[in-house]
């Protein structure tokens, strides 16, 4: 396993953890549990962002700029549905 594959695994894992913490926060039955999950969620999102930043710097996570006409099409689609 090379460094890129390791970082991809970490990123996917951190995204999964954030999803679990999000649901824990939403479904918590008490303020204390909610606060604990919320703190864990914030920390996991920070970690996910750090991994993303590191991968971006290495050229391992490349994004494509959305085209304005594509954005306009999506907006129009949702306006028409309402």
N, C-alpha and C. Protein backbone atom coordinates (compact mmCIF):
# COMPACT_ATOMS: atom_id res chain seq x y z
N UNK A 1 0.86 -1.17 0.00
CA UNK A 1 0.00 0.00 0.00
C UNK A 1 0.91 1.24 0.00
N UNK A 2 0.66 2.14 -0.94
CA UNK A 2 1.47 3.35 -0.99
C UNK A 2 0.81 4.48 -0.18
N UNK A 3 1.51 5.61 -0.08
CA UNK A 3 1.02 6.73 0.73
C UNK A 3 -0.33 7.26 0.23
N UNK A 4 -0.49 7.34 -1.08
CA UNK A 4 -1.76 7.83 -1.62
C UNK A 4 -2.92 6.93 -1.21
N UNK A 5 -2.74 5.63 -1.34
CA UNK A 5 -3.79 4.69 -0.96
C UNK A 5 -4.09 4.76 0.54
N UNK A 6 -3.06 4.95 1.33
CA UNK A 6 -3.24 5.08 2.77
C UNK A 6 -4.06 6.33 3.09
N UNK A 7 -3.72 7.43 2.46
CA UNK A 7 -4.45 8.67 2.69
C UNK A 7 -5.90 8.58 2.20
N UNK A 8 -6.11 7.90 1.07
CA UNK A 8 -7.49 7.70 0.59
C UNK A 8 -8.30 6.90 1.61
N UNK A 9 -7.68 5.89 2.18
CA UNK A 9 -8.35 5.09 3.21
C UNK A 9 -8.68 5.91 4.44
N UNK A 10 -7.74 6.75 4.85
CA UNK A 10 -7.98 7.63 6.00
C UNK A 10 -9.11 8.61 5.72
N UNK A 11 -9.12 9.15 4.51
CA UNK A 11 -10.17 10.11 4.16
C UNK A 11 -11.54 9.43 4.16
N UNK A 12 -11.63 8.26 3.55
CA UNK A 12 -12.90 7.54 3.54
C UNK A 12 -13.36 7.17 4.95
N UNK A 13 -12.42 6.74 5.77
CA UNK A 13 -12.76 6.40 7.15
C UNK A 13 -13.23 7.61 7.92
N UNK A 14 -12.53 8.73 7.75
CA UNK A 14 -12.93 9.94 8.47
C UNK A 14 -14.30 10.44 8.02
N UNK A 15 -14.63 10.27 6.76
CA UNK A 15 -15.96 10.64 6.28
C UNK A 15 -17.02 9.74 6.90
N UNK A 16 -16.73 8.46 7.00
CA UNK A 16 -17.67 7.52 7.62
C UNK A 16 -17.88 7.82 9.09
N UNK A 17 -16.79 8.16 9.78
CA UNK A 17 -16.88 8.51 11.20
C UNK A 17 -17.72 9.77 11.38
N UNK A 18 -17.49 10.77 10.54
CA UNK A 18 -18.27 12.01 10.62
C UNK A 18 -19.76 11.72 10.42
N UNK A 19 -20.08 10.83 9.50
CA UNK A 19 -21.47 10.46 9.27
C UNK A 19 -22.09 9.82 10.51
N UNK A 20 -21.34 8.93 11.16
CA UNK A 20 -21.83 8.30 12.38
C UNK A 20 -22.03 9.32 13.50
N UNK A 21 -21.08 10.22 13.66
CA UNK A 21 -21.21 11.26 14.69
C UNK A 21 -22.38 12.19 14.39
N UNK A 22 -22.60 12.49 13.13
CA UNK A 22 -23.73 13.34 12.76
C UNK A 22 -25.03 12.68 13.20
N UNK A 23 -25.19 11.41 12.87
CA UNK A 23 -26.42 10.72 13.25
C UNK A 23 -26.54 10.58 14.77
N UNK A 24 -25.41 10.38 15.44
CA UNK A 24 -25.44 10.35 16.89
C UNK A 24 -25.89 11.67 17.46
N UNK A 25 -25.44 12.76 16.88
CA UNK A 25 -25.84 14.08 17.34
C UNK A 25 -27.34 14.29 17.11
N UNK A 26 -27.79 13.96 15.93
CA UNK A 26 -29.20 14.15 15.60
C UNK A 26 -30.12 13.30 16.49
N UNK A 27 -29.72 12.07 16.75
CA UNK A 27 -30.58 11.12 17.45
C UNK A 27 -30.36 11.09 18.95
N UNK A 28 -29.48 11.91 19.47
CA UNK A 28 -29.16 11.84 20.90
C UNK A 28 -30.39 12.16 21.75
N UNK A 29 -30.46 11.47 22.89
CA UNK A 29 -31.64 11.59 23.74
C UNK A 29 -31.47 12.57 24.89
N UNK A 30 -30.27 13.06 25.09
CA UNK A 30 -30.06 14.02 26.18
C UNK A 30 -29.06 15.09 25.73
N UNK A 31 -29.08 16.19 26.44
CA UNK A 31 -28.18 17.30 26.10
C UNK A 31 -26.72 16.90 26.23
N UNK A 32 -26.41 16.09 27.25
CA UNK A 32 -25.02 15.66 27.46
C UNK A 32 -24.55 14.77 26.31
N UNK A 33 -25.36 13.82 25.91
CA UNK A 33 -25.01 12.94 24.80
C UNK A 33 -24.90 13.75 23.51
N UNK A 34 -25.84 14.65 23.30
CA UNK A 34 -25.82 15.52 22.12
C UNK A 34 -24.52 16.32 22.07
N UNK A 35 -24.14 16.91 23.18
CA UNK A 35 -22.92 17.71 23.25
C UNK A 35 -21.68 16.86 22.97
N UNK A 36 -21.66 15.65 23.49
CA UNK A 36 -20.51 14.76 23.27
C UNK A 36 -20.38 14.39 21.79
N UNK A 37 -21.48 14.01 21.18
CA UNK A 37 -21.45 13.67 19.76
C UNK A 37 -21.11 14.90 18.91
N UNK A 38 -21.66 16.06 19.27
CA UNK A 38 -21.41 17.27 18.53
C UNK A 38 -19.92 17.64 18.56
N UNK A 39 -19.31 17.51 19.72
CA UNK A 39 -17.86 17.79 19.84
C UNK A 39 -17.05 16.81 19.00
N UNK A 40 -17.42 15.54 19.07
CA UNK A 40 -16.72 14.53 18.29
C UNK A 40 -16.89 14.78 16.80
N UNK A 41 -18.09 15.21 16.39
CA UNK A 41 -18.34 15.53 14.99
C UNK A 41 -17.44 16.67 14.53
N UNK A 42 -17.37 17.73 15.31
CA UNK A 42 -16.53 18.87 14.93
C UNK A 42 -15.07 18.45 14.80
N UNK A 43 -14.58 17.65 15.72
CA UNK A 43 -13.19 17.19 15.65
C UNK A 43 -12.96 16.30 14.44
N UNK A 44 -13.92 15.44 14.15
CA UNK A 44 -13.75 14.55 12.99
C UNK A 44 -13.78 15.35 11.68
N UNK A 45 -14.57 16.41 11.63
CA UNK A 45 -14.60 17.25 10.43
C UNK A 45 -13.28 18.01 10.26
N UNK A 46 -12.70 18.45 11.36
CA UNK A 46 -11.39 19.11 11.30
C UNK A 46 -10.34 18.13 10.77
N UNK A 47 -10.37 16.90 11.27
CA UNK A 47 -9.42 15.88 10.84
C UNK A 47 -9.61 15.56 9.35
N UNK A 48 -10.86 15.45 8.92
CA UNK A 48 -11.15 15.17 7.52
C UNK A 48 -10.61 16.29 6.64
N UNK A 49 -10.76 17.52 7.08
CA UNK A 49 -10.26 18.65 6.31
C UNK A 49 -8.73 18.65 6.24
N UNK A 50 -8.08 18.27 7.31
CA UNK A 50 -6.62 18.20 7.31
C UNK A 50 -6.13 17.13 6.33
N UNK A 51 -6.81 16.00 6.31
CA UNK A 51 -6.44 14.93 5.38
C UNK A 51 -6.66 15.39 3.95
N UNK A 52 -7.80 16.02 3.70
CA UNK A 52 -8.11 16.56 2.37
C UNK A 52 -7.04 17.55 1.94
N UNK A 53 -6.69 18.49 2.82
CA UNK A 53 -5.67 19.49 2.50
C UNK A 53 -4.34 18.84 2.15
N UNK A 54 -3.94 17.84 2.93
CA UNK A 54 -2.67 17.15 2.67
C UNK A 54 -2.71 16.44 1.32
N UNK A 55 -3.83 15.80 1.02
CA UNK A 55 -3.96 15.10 -0.26
C UNK A 55 -3.95 16.08 -1.43
N UNK A 56 -4.60 17.23 -1.24
CA UNK A 56 -4.63 18.25 -2.28
C UNK A 56 -3.23 18.78 -2.56
N UNK A 57 -2.47 19.02 -1.51
CA UNK A 57 -1.11 19.52 -1.67
C UNK A 57 -0.22 18.53 -2.42
N UNK A 58 -0.49 17.25 -2.25
CA UNK A 58 0.29 16.22 -2.93
C UNK A 58 -0.23 15.95 -4.35
N UNK A 59 -1.36 16.58 -4.71
CA UNK A 59 -1.95 16.35 -6.02
C UNK A 59 -2.74 15.05 -6.09
N UNK A 60 -3.10 14.50 -4.94
CA UNK A 60 -3.81 13.23 -4.88
C UNK A 60 -5.32 13.38 -4.85
N UNK A 61 -5.80 14.59 -4.66
CA UNK A 61 -7.23 14.84 -4.61
C UNK A 61 -7.48 16.09 -5.42
N UNK A 62 -7.92 15.88 -6.63
CA UNK A 62 -8.11 17.01 -7.53
C UNK A 62 -9.59 17.25 -7.73
N UNK A 63 -9.95 18.50 -7.70
CA UNK A 63 -11.34 18.87 -7.91
C UNK A 63 -11.47 19.63 -9.22
N UNK A 64 -12.66 19.66 -9.72
CA UNK A 64 -12.94 20.36 -10.96
C UNK A 64 -13.91 21.51 -10.66
N UNK A 65 -13.60 22.67 -11.16
CA UNK A 65 -14.46 23.84 -10.96
C UNK A 65 -15.79 23.63 -11.69
N UNK A 66 -16.88 23.84 -10.97
CA UNK A 66 -18.19 23.70 -11.58
C UNK A 66 -18.42 24.82 -12.59
N UNK A 67 -19.01 24.48 -13.71
CA UNK A 67 -19.30 25.46 -14.74
C UNK A 67 -20.59 26.21 -14.38
N UNK A 68 -20.58 27.49 -14.60
CA UNK A 68 -21.72 28.32 -14.23
C UNK A 68 -23.01 27.90 -14.93
N UNK A 69 -22.91 27.46 -16.18
CA UNK A 69 -24.13 27.04 -16.88
C UNK A 69 -24.69 25.75 -16.27
N UNK A 70 -23.81 24.89 -15.76
CA UNK A 70 -24.28 23.66 -15.10
C UNK A 70 -24.98 24.00 -13.78
N UNK A 71 -24.43 24.96 -13.06
CA UNK A 71 -25.03 25.39 -11.81
C UNK A 71 -26.41 25.99 -12.08
N UNK A 72 -26.50 26.81 -13.11
CA UNK A 72 -27.77 27.43 -13.48
C UNK A 72 -28.82 26.38 -13.84
N UNK A 73 -28.41 25.31 -14.54
CA UNK A 73 -29.35 24.24 -14.90
C UNK A 73 -29.91 23.56 -13.66
N UNK A 74 -29.03 23.29 -12.71
CA UNK A 74 -29.47 22.62 -11.48
C UNK A 74 -30.41 23.53 -10.69
N UNK A 75 -30.06 24.80 -10.58
CA UNK A 75 -30.94 25.75 -9.89
C UNK A 75 -32.31 25.79 -10.55
N UNK A 76 -32.33 25.87 -11.85
CA UNK A 76 -33.59 25.95 -12.59
C UNK A 76 -34.43 24.69 -12.37
N UNK A 77 -33.78 23.56 -12.34
CA UNK A 77 -34.48 22.29 -12.12
C UNK A 77 -35.21 22.31 -10.78
N UNK A 78 -34.55 22.79 -9.73
CA UNK A 78 -35.17 22.80 -8.42
C UNK A 78 -36.20 23.91 -8.26
N UNK A 79 -36.04 25.00 -8.96
CA UNK A 79 -37.04 26.06 -8.94
C UNK A 79 -38.32 25.56 -9.57
N UNK A 80 -38.21 24.81 -10.67
CA UNK A 80 -39.37 24.30 -11.38
C UNK A 80 -40.10 23.23 -10.56
N UNK A 81 -39.39 22.53 -9.69
CA UNK A 81 -40.03 21.47 -8.87
C UNK A 81 -40.88 22.05 -7.75
N UNK A 82 -40.59 23.26 -7.35
CA UNK A 82 -41.34 23.86 -6.24
C UNK A 82 -42.50 24.61 -6.71
